[in-house]
Amino acid sequence: MSAALEMVNLASKDAFTGSASAIGYGLAAIGPGVGVGIIFGNGTQALARQPEAAGLIRTNQIMGFAFCEALALIGIVMGFVYQ
C-alpha cells in the first residue's frame, strides 16, 4: 500500500512541476509579446513621420525584435532548467 502511495506522490510532483513550468513560460512570454508590439507600433509611427530614415528605423526594429524574442527563449529554457 505504501508503494502505491509513493508512486501517486511522485506522479503528482512531476505533474505539478510540468504545469508550473508551463505557467511560468506563459507569464514569461507576456513581456516579450508586449515589447514586440511596442517596437513595431512605434516603428510604424516613426516611418510615417520620417520616411527618409526607413533604413535606420527598420534596422533598430529588427534588433529590438531579436532582443525581445531572446527573452522569450530564455523564459522557455528556464522552464526546462528548473524542472
PDB file of N, CA and C in Angstrom:
ATOM      1  N   MET A   1       0.827  -1.194   0.000  1.00  0.00           N
ATOM      2  CA  MET A   1       0.000   0.000   0.000  1.00  0.00           C
ATOM      3  C   MET A   1       0.867   1.251   0.000  1.00  0.00           C
ATOM      4  N   SER A   2       1.961   1.257   0.743  1.00  0.00           N
ATOM      5  CA  SER A   2       2.798   2.449   0.793  1.00  0.00           C
ATOM      6  C   SER A   2       3.520   2.678  -0.530  1.00  0.00           C
ATOM      7  N   ALA A   3       3.826   1.600  -1.261  1.00  0.00           N
ATOM      8  CA  ALA A   3       4.474   1.757  -2.566  1.00  0.00           C
ATOM      9  C   ALA A   3       3.537   2.458  -3.545  1.00  0.00           C
ATOM     10  N   ALA A   4       2.252   2.134  -3.467  1.00  0.00           N
ATOM     11  CA  ALA A   4       1.273   2.782  -4.338  1.00  0.00           C
ATOM     12  C   ALA A   4       1.153   4.262  -3.984  1.00  0.00           C
ATOM     13  N   LEU A   5       1.174   4.581  -2.693  1.00  0.00           N
ATOM     14  CA  LEU A   5       1.096   5.985  -2.284  1.00  0.00           C
ATOM     15  C   LEU A   5       2.332   6.755  -2.720  1.00  0.00           C
ATOM     16  N   GLU A   6       3.493   6.119  -2.669  1.00  0.00           N
ATOM     17  CA  GLU A   6       4.723   6.775  -3.130  1.00  0.00           C
ATOM     18  C   GLU A   6       4.653   7.076  -4.624  1.00  0.00           C
ATOM     19  N   MET A   7       4.120   6.128  -5.401  1.00  0.00           N
ATOM     20  CA  MET A   7       4.005   6.343  -6.846  1.00  0.00           C
ATOM     21  C   MET A   7       3.050   7.485  -7.145  1.00  0.00           C
ATOM     22  N   VAL A   8       1.947   7.574  -6.440  1.00  0.00           N
ATOM     23  CA  VAL A   8       0.992   8.667  -6.642  1.00  0.00           C
ATOM     24  C   VAL A   8       1.623   9.985  -6.238  1.00  0.00           C
ATOM     25  N   ASN A   9       2.371   9.984  -5.138  1.00  0.00           N
ATOM     26  CA  ASN A   9       3.024  11.189  -4.676  1.00  0.00           C
ATOM     27  C   ASN A   9       4.051  11.682  -5.685  1.00  0.00           C
ATOM     28  N   LEU A  10       4.866  10.772  -6.232  1.00  0.00           N
ATOM     29  CA  LEU A  10       5.863  11.152  -7.230  1.00  0.00           C
ATOM     30  C   LEU A  10       5.205  11.652  -8.504  1.00  0.00           C
ATOM     31  N   ALA A  11       4.119  10.987  -8.915  1.00  0.00           N
ATOM     32  CA  ALA A  11       3.419  11.408 -10.134  1.00  0.00           C
ATOM     33  C   ALA A  11       2.824  12.799  -9.957  1.00  0.00           C
ATOM     34  N   SER A  12       2.293  13.092  -8.777  1.00  0.00           N
ATOM     35  CA  SER A  12       1.706  14.418  -8.567  1.00  0.00           C
ATOM     36  C   SER A  12       2.781  15.501  -8.532  1.00  0.00           C
ATOM     37  N   LYS A  13       3.974  15.180  -8.007  1.00  0.00           N
ATOM     38  CA  LYS A  13       5.073  16.152  -8.024  1.00  0.00           C
ATOM     39  C   LYS A  13       5.508  16.458  -9.445  1.00  0.00           C
ATOM     40  N   ASP A  14       5.617  15.411 -10.285  1.00  0.00           N
ATOM     41  CA  ASP A  14       6.002  15.621 -11.683  1.00  0.00           C
ATOM     42  C   ASP A  14       4.945  16.417 -12.431  1.00  0.00           C
ATOM     43  N   ALA A  15       3.684  16.138 -12.174  1.00  0.00           N
ATOM     44  CA  ALA A  15       2.619  16.870 -12.846  1.00  0.00           C
ATOM     45  C   ALA A  15       2.620  18.330 -12.409  1.00  0.00           C
ATOM     46  N   PHE A  16       2.847  18.566 -11.133  1.00  0.00           N
ATOM     47  CA  PHE A  16       2.889  19.953 -10.650  1.00  0.00           C
ATOM     48  C   PHE A  16       4.070  20.703 -11.249  1.00  0.00           C
ATOM     49  N   THR A  17       5.218  20.046 -11.323  1.00  0.00           N
ATOM     50  CA  THR A  17       6.404  20.696 -11.885  1.00  0.00           C
ATOM     51  C   THR A  17       6.184  21.039 -13.343  1.00  0.00           C
ATOM     52  N   GLY A  18       5.592  20.128 -14.103  1.00  0.00           N
ATOM     53  CA  GLY A  18       5.330  20.388 -15.517  1.00  0.00           C
ATOM     54  C   GLY A  18       4.342  21.514 -15.716  1.00  0.00           C
ATOM     55  N   SER A  19       3.269  21.519 -14.933  1.00  0.00           N
ATOM     56  CA  SER A  19       2.277  22.584 -15.093  1.00  0.00           C
ATOM     57  C   SER A  19       2.814  23.917 -14.591  1.00  0.00           C
ATOM     58  N   ALA A  20       3.652  23.894 -13.553  1.00  0.00           N
ATOM     59  CA  ALA A  20       4.228  25.139 -13.054  1.00  0.00           C
ATOM     60  C   ALA A  20       5.193  25.738 -14.066  1.00  0.00           C
ATOM     61  N   SER A  21       5.953  24.890 -14.756  1.00  0.00           N
ATOM     62  CA  SER A  21       6.867  25.429 -15.769  1.00  0.00           C
ATOM     63  C   SER A  21       6.089  25.965 -16.965  1.00  0.00           C
ATOM     64  N   ALA A  22       4.962  25.355 -17.303  1.00  0.00           N
ATOM     65  CA  ALA A  22       4.141  25.866 -18.403  1.00  0.00           C
ATOM     66  C   ALA A  22       3.527  27.212 -18.035  1.00  0.00           C
ATOM     67  N   ILE A  23       3.069  27.339 -16.805  1.00  0.00           N
ATOM     68  CA  ILE A  23       2.525  28.618 -16.350  1.00  0.00           C
ATOM     69  C   ILE A  23       3.631  29.668 -16.296  1.00  0.00           C
ATOM     70  N   GLY A  24       4.802  29.258 -15.846  1.00  0.00           N
ATOM     71  CA  GLY A  24       5.933  30.188 -15.802  1.00  0.00           C
ATOM     72  C   GLY A  24       6.312  30.691 -17.174  1.00  0.00           C
ATOM     73  N   TYR A  25       6.312  29.804 -18.170  1.00  0.00           N
ATOM     74  CA  TYR A  25       6.644  30.262 -19.513  1.00  0.00           C
ATOM     75  C   TYR A  25       5.549  31.170 -20.064  1.00  0.00           C
ATOM     76  N   GLY A  26       4.319  30.857 -19.758  1.00  0.00           N
ATOM     77  CA  GLY A  26       3.225  31.724 -20.206  1.00  0.00           C
ATOM     78  C   GLY A  26       3.372  33.126 -19.650  1.00  0.00           C
ATOM     79  N   LEU A  27       3.739  33.215 -18.385  1.00  0.00           N
ATOM     80  CA  LEU A  27       3.960  34.533 -17.788  1.00  0.00           C
ATOM     81  C   LEU A  27       5.211  35.193 -18.351  1.00  0.00           C
ATOM     82  N   ALA A  28       6.225  34.390 -18.659  1.00  0.00           N
ATOM     83  CA  ALA A  28       7.454  34.950 -19.216  1.00  0.00           C
ATOM     84  C   ALA A  28       7.251  35.440 -20.643  1.00  0.00           C
ATOM     85  N   ALA A  29       6.279  34.910 -21.350  1.00  0.00           N
ATOM     86  CA  ALA A  29       6.042  35.316 -22.735  1.00  0.00           C
ATOM     87  C   ALA A  29       5.234  36.602 -22.836  1.00  0.00           C
ATOM     88  N   ILE A  30       4.643  37.052 -21.738  1.00  0.00           N
ATOM     89  CA  ILE A  30       3.846  38.283 -21.773  1.00  0.00           C
ATOM     90  C   ILE A  30       4.740  39.489 -22.056  1.00  0.00           C
ATOM     91  N   GLY A  31       5.864  39.575 -21.369  1.00  0.00           N
ATOM     92  CA  GLY A  31       6.757  40.723 -21.529  1.00  0.00           C
ATOM     93  C   GLY A  31       7.285  40.882 -22.938  1.00  0.00           C
ATOM     94  N   PRO A  32       7.864  39.827 -23.527  1.00  0.00           N
ATOM     95  CA  PRO A  32       8.324  39.967 -24.907  1.00  0.00           C
ATOM     96  C   PRO A  32       7.197  40.243 -25.896  1.00  0.00           C
ATOM     97  N   GLY A  33       6.020  39.709 -25.644  1.00  0.00           N
ATOM     98  CA  GLY A  33       4.891  39.988 -26.528  1.00  0.00           C
ATOM     99  C   GLY A  33       4.512  41.456 -26.512  1.00  0.00           C
ATOM    100  N   VAL A  34       4.472  42.027 -25.326  1.00  0.00           N
ATOM    101  CA  VAL A  34       4.191  43.460 -25.204  1.00  0.00           C
ATOM    102  C   VAL A  34       5.320  44.266 -25.830  1.00  0.00           C
ATOM    103  N   GLY A  35       6.557  43.841 -25.598  1.00  0.00           N
ATOM    104  CA  GLY A  35       7.709  44.551 -26.158  1.00  0.00           C
ATOM    105  C   GLY A  35       7.705  44.573 -27.676  1.00  0.00           C
ATOM    106  N   VAL A  36       7.362  43.451 -28.294  1.00  0.00           N
ATOM    107  CA  VAL A  36       7.312  43.389 -29.753  1.00  0.00           C
ATOM    108  C   VAL A  36       6.208  44.307 -30.277  1.00  0.00           C
ATOM    109  N   GLY A  37       5.085  44.321 -29.607  1.00  0.00           N
ATOM    110  CA  GLY A  37       4.002  45.215 -30.020  1.00  0.00           C
ATOM    111  C   GLY A  37       4.398  46.679 -29.940  1.00  0.00           C
ATOM    112  N   ILE A  38       5.083  47.049 -28.870  1.00  0.00           N
ATOM    113  CA  ILE A  38       5.533  48.437 -28.718  1.00  0.00           C
ATOM    114  C   ILE A  38       6.574  48.781 -29.785  1.00  0.00           C
ATOM    115  N   ILE A  39       7.507  47.857 -30.037  1.00  0.00           N
ATOM    116  CA  ILE A  39       8.561  48.112 -31.024  1.00  0.00           C
ATOM    117  C   ILE A  39       7.966  48.369 -32.400  1.00  0.00           C
ATOM    118  N   PHE A  40       7.085  47.498 -32.855  1.00  0.00           N
ATOM    119  CA  PHE A  40       6.563  47.653 -34.207  1.00  0.00           C
ATOM    120  C   PHE A  40       5.530  48.772 -34.299  1.00  0.00           C
ATOM    121  N   GLY A  41       4.804  49.023 -33.228  1.00  0.00           N
ATOM    122  CA  GLY A  41       3.876  50.159 -33.229  1.00  0.00           C
ATOM    123  C   GLY A  41       4.608  51.484 -33.340  1.00  0.00           C
ATOM    124  N   ASN A  42       5.640  51.651 -32.520  1.00  0.00           N
ATOM    125  CA  ASN A  42       6.420  52.887 -32.579  1.00  0.00           C
ATOM    126  C   ASN A  42       7.245  52.973 -33.855  1.00  0.00           C
ATOM    127  N   GLY A  43       7.694  51.854 -34.368  1.00  0.00           N
ATOM    128  CA  GLY A  43       8.431  51.864 -35.632  1.00  0.00           C
ATOM    129  C   GLY A  43       7.548  52.295 -36.787  1.00  0.00           C
ATOM    130  N   THR A  44       6.306  51.857 -36.780  1.00  0.00           N
ATOM    131  CA  THR A  44       5.368  52.273 -37.825  1.00  0.00           C
ATOM    132  C   THR A  44       5.100  53.768 -37.747  1.00  0.00           C
ATOM    133  N   GLN A  45       4.943  54.284 -36.544  1.00  0.00           N
ATOM    134  CA  GLN A  45       4.758  55.734 -36.378  1.00  0.00           C
ATOM    135  C   GLN A  45       5.989  56.499 -36.846  1.00  0.00           C
ATOM    136  N   ALA A  46       7.169  55.992 -36.524  1.00  0.00           N
ATOM    137  CA  ALA A  46       8.400  56.674 -36.934  1.00  0.00           C
ATOM    138  C   ALA A  46       8.551  56.665 -38.449  1.00  0.00           C
ATOM    139  N   LEU A  47       8.196  55.566 -39.098  1.00  0.00           N
ATOM    140  CA  LEU A  47       8.268  55.514 -40.559  1.00  0.00           C
ATOM    141  C   LEU A  47       7.267  56.462 -41.201  1.00  0.00           C
ATOM    142  N   ALA A  48       6.121  56.633 -40.585  1.00  0.00           N
ATOM    143  CA  ALA A  48       5.129  57.563 -41.121  1.00  0.00           C
ATOM    144  C   ALA A  48       5.594  59.013 -40.965  1.00  0.00           C
ATOM    145  N   ARG A  49       6.315  59.299 -39.902  1.00  0.00           N
ATOM    146  CA  ARG A  49       6.770  60.677 -39.665  1.00  0.00           C
ATOM    147  C   ARG A  49       8.026  61.023 -40.452  1.00  0.00           C
ATOM    148  N   GLN A  50       8.938  60.058 -40.598  1.00  0.00           N
ATOM    149  CA  GLN A  50      10.199  60.314 -41.304  1.00  0.00           C
ATOM    150  C   GLN A  50      10.496  59.158 -42.252  1.00  0.00           C
ATOM    151  N   PRO A  51       9.889  59.161 -43.416  1.00  0.00           N
ATOM    152  CA  PRO A  51      10.129  58.052 -44.354  1.00  0.00           C
ATOM    153  C   PRO A  51      11.563  57.984 -44.864  1.00  0.00           C
ATOM    154  N   GLU A  52      12.294  59.100 -44.801  1.00  0.00           N
ATOM    155  CA  GLU A  52      13.674  59.085 -45.297  1.00  0.00           C
ATOM    156  C   GLU A  52      14.614  58.305 -44.374  1.00  0.00           C
ATOM    157  N   ALA A  53      14.209  58.062 -43.142  1.00  0.00           N
ATOM    158  CA  ALA A  53      15.037  57.311 -42.190  1.00  0.00           C
ATOM    159  C   ALA A  53      14.601  55.850 -42.096  1.00  0.00           C
ATOM    160  N   ALA A  54      14.001  55.333 -43.156  1.00  0.00           N
ATOM    161  CA  ALA A  54      13.432  53.978 -43.124  1.00  0.00           C
ATOM    162  C   ALA A  54      14.487  52.907 -42.842  1.00  0.00           C
ATOM    163  N   GLY A  55      15.670  53.042 -43.421  1.00  0.00           N
ATOM    164  CA  GLY A  55      16.703  52.019 -43.216  1.00  0.00           C
ATOM    165  C   GLY A  55      17.139  51.915 -41.776  1.00  0.00           C
ATOM    166  N   LEU A  56      17.395  53.042 -41.143  1.00  0.00           N
ATOM    167  CA  LEU A  56      17.832  53.054 -39.741  1.00  0.00           C
ATOM    168  C   LEU A  56      16.720  52.574 -38.808  1.00  0.00           C
ATOM    169  N   ILE A  57      15.502  53.030 -39.076  1.00  0.00           N
ATOM    170  CA  ILE A  57      14.370  52.631 -38.225  1.00  0.00           C
ATOM    171  C   ILE A  57      14.134  51.128 -38.333  1.00  0.00           C
ATOM    172  N   ARG A  58      14.173  50.608 -39.542  1.00  0.00           N
ATOM    173  CA  ARG A  58      13.916  49.183 -39.730  1.00  0.00           C
ATOM    174  C   ARG A  58      15.008  48.341 -39.076  1.00  0.00           C
ATOM    175  N   THR A  59      16.250  48.797 -39.151  1.00  0.00           N
ATOM    176  CA  THR A  59      17.355  48.074 -38.506  1.00  0.00           C
ATOM    177  C   THR A  59      17.158  48.031 -36.995  1.00  0.00           C
ATOM    178  N   ASN A  60      16.788  49.168 -36.429  1.00  0.00           N
ATOM    179  CA  ASN A  60      16.549  49.205 -34.981  1.00  0.00           C
ATOM    180  C   ASN A  60      15.346  48.358 -34.589  1.00  0.00           C
ATOM    181  N   GLN A  61      14.337  48.305 -35.452  1.00  0.00           N
ATOM    182  CA  GLN A  61      13.181  47.458 -35.171  1.00  0.00           C
ATOM    183  C   GLN A  61      13.593  45.985 -35.125  1.00  0.00           C
ATOM    184  N   ILE A  62      14.370  45.566 -36.084  1.00  0.00           N
ATOM    185  CA  ILE A  62      14.768  44.157 -36.150  1.00  0.00           C
ATOM    186  C   ILE A  62      15.648  43.787 -34.960  1.00  0.00           C
ATOM    187  N   MET A  63      16.541  44.694 -34.569  1.00  0.00           N
ATOM    188  CA  MET A  63      17.380  44.412 -33.398  1.00  0.00           C
ATOM    189  C   MET A  63      16.535  44.329 -32.120  1.00  0.00           C
ATOM    190  N   GLY A  64      15.599  45.232 -31.958  1.00  0.00           N
ATOM    191  CA  GLY A  64      14.715  45.193 -30.785  1.00  0.00           C
ATOM    192  C   GLY A  64      13.862  43.941 -30.762  1.00  0.00           C
ATOM    193  N   PHE A  65      13.375  43.531 -31.932  1.00  0.00           N
ATOM    194  CA  PHE A  65      12.595  42.305 -32.025  1.00  0.00           C
ATOM    195  C   PHE A  65      13.433  41.097 -31.620  1.00  0.00           C
ATOM    196  N   ALA A  66      14.678  41.053 -32.079  1.00  0.00           N
ATOM    197  CA  ALA A  66      15.559  39.930 -31.739  1.00  0.00           C
ATOM    198  C   ALA A  66      15.826  39.871 -30.240  1.00  0.00           C
ATOM    199  N   PHE A  67      16.035  41.024 -29.614  1.00  0.00           N
ATOM    200  CA  PHE A  67      16.270  41.034 -28.165  1.00  0.00           C
ATOM    201  C   PHE A  67      15.025  40.594 -27.393  1.00  0.00           C
ATOM    202  N   CYS A  68      13.857  41.015 -27.838  1.00  0.00           N
ATOM    203  CA  CYS A  68      12.621  40.586 -27.165  1.00  0.00           C
ATOM    204  C   CYS A  68      12.403  39.087 -27.316  1.00  0.00           C
ATOM    205  N   GLU A  69      12.659  38.562 -28.481  1.00  0.00           N
ATOM    206  CA  GLU A  69      12.487  37.127 -28.686  1.00  0.00           C
ATOM    207  C   GLU A  69      13.527  36.327 -27.908  1.00  0.00           C
ATOM    208  N   ALA A  70      14.712  36.890 -27.716  1.00  0.00           N
ATOM    209  CA  ALA A  70      15.714  36.214 -26.889  1.00  0.00           C
ATOM    210  C   ALA A  70      15.205  36.074 -25.463  1.00  0.00           C
ATOM    211  N   LEU A  71      14.495  37.087 -24.965  1.00  0.00           N
ATOM    212  CA  LEU A  71      13.919  36.985 -23.620  1.00  0.00           C
ATOM    213  C   LEU A  71      12.884  35.874 -23.554  1.00  0.00           C
ATOM    214  N   ALA A  72      12.090  35.730 -24.595  1.00  0.00           N
ATOM    215  CA  ALA A  72      11.095  34.652 -24.619  1.00  0.00           C
ATOM    216  C   ALA A  72      11.777  33.286 -24.638  1.00  0.00           C
ATOM    217  N   LEU A  73      12.855  33.159 -25.396  1.00  0.00           N
ATOM    218  CA  LEU A  73      13.575  31.881 -25.440  1.00  0.00           C
ATOM    219  C   LEU A  73      14.237  31.572 -24.100  1.00  0.00           C
ATOM    220  N   ILE A  74      14.744  32.590 -23.436  1.00  0.00           N
ATOM    221  CA  ILE A  74      15.310  32.374 -22.101  1.00  0.00           C
ATOM    222  C   ILE A  74      14.223  31.887 -21.151  1.00  0.00           C
ATOM    223  N   GLY A  75      13.019  32.441 -21.290  1.00  0.00           N
ATOM    224  CA  GLY A  75      11.907  32.002 -20.445  1.00  0.00           C
ATOM    225  C   GLY A  75      11.557  30.547 -20.648  1.00  0.00           C
ATOM    226  N   ILE A  76      11.556  30.079 -21.888  1.00  0.00           N
ATOM    227  CA  ILE A  76      11.216  28.675 -22.129  1.00  0.00           C
ATOM    228  C   ILE A  76      12.345  27.748 -21.672  1.00  0.00           C
ATOM    229  N   VAL A  77      13.589  28.184 -21.801  1.00  0.00           N
ATOM    230  CA  VAL A  77      14.715  27.360 -21.360  1.00  0.00           C
ATOM    231  C   VAL A  77      14.716  27.237 -19.834  1.00  0.00           C
ATOM    232  N   MET A  78      14.370  28.299 -19.133  1.00  0.00           N
ATOM    233  CA  MET A  78      14.349  28.252 -17.668  1.00  0.00           C
ATOM    234  C   MET A  78      13.315  27.252 -17.162  1.00  0.00           C
ATOM    235  N   GLY A  79      12.237  27.072 -17.912  1.00  0.00           N
ATOM    236  CA  GLY A  79      11.263  26.052 -17.540  1.00  0.00           C
ATOM    237  C   GLY A  79      11.845  24.658 -17.556  1.00  0.00           C
ATOM    238  N   PHE A  80      12.738  24.390 -18.500  1.00  0.00           N
ATOM    239  CA  PHE A  80      13.386  23.087 -18.567  1.00  0.00           C
ATOM    240  C   PHE A  80      14.535  22.963 -17.579  1.00  0.00           C
ATOM    241  N   VAL A  81      15.241  24.053 -17.325  1.00  0.00           N
ATOM    242  CA  VAL A  81      16.385  24.009 -16.424  1.00  0.00           C
ATOM    243  C   VAL A  81      15.922  23.740 -14.994  1.00  0.00           C
ATOM    244  N   TYR A  82      14.898  24.410 -14.557  1.00  0.00           N
ATOM    245  CA  TYR A  82      14.437  24.292 -13.171  1.00  0.00           C
ATOM    246  C   TYR A  82      13.351  23.253 -12.981  1.00  0.00           C
ATOM    247  N   GLN A  83      13.246  22.309 -13.891  1.00  0.00           N
ATOM    248  CA  GLN A  83      12.217  21.284 -13.793  1.00  0.00           C
ATOM    249  C   GLN A  83      12.558  20.207 -12.842  1.00  0.00           C
TER     250      GLN A  83
END
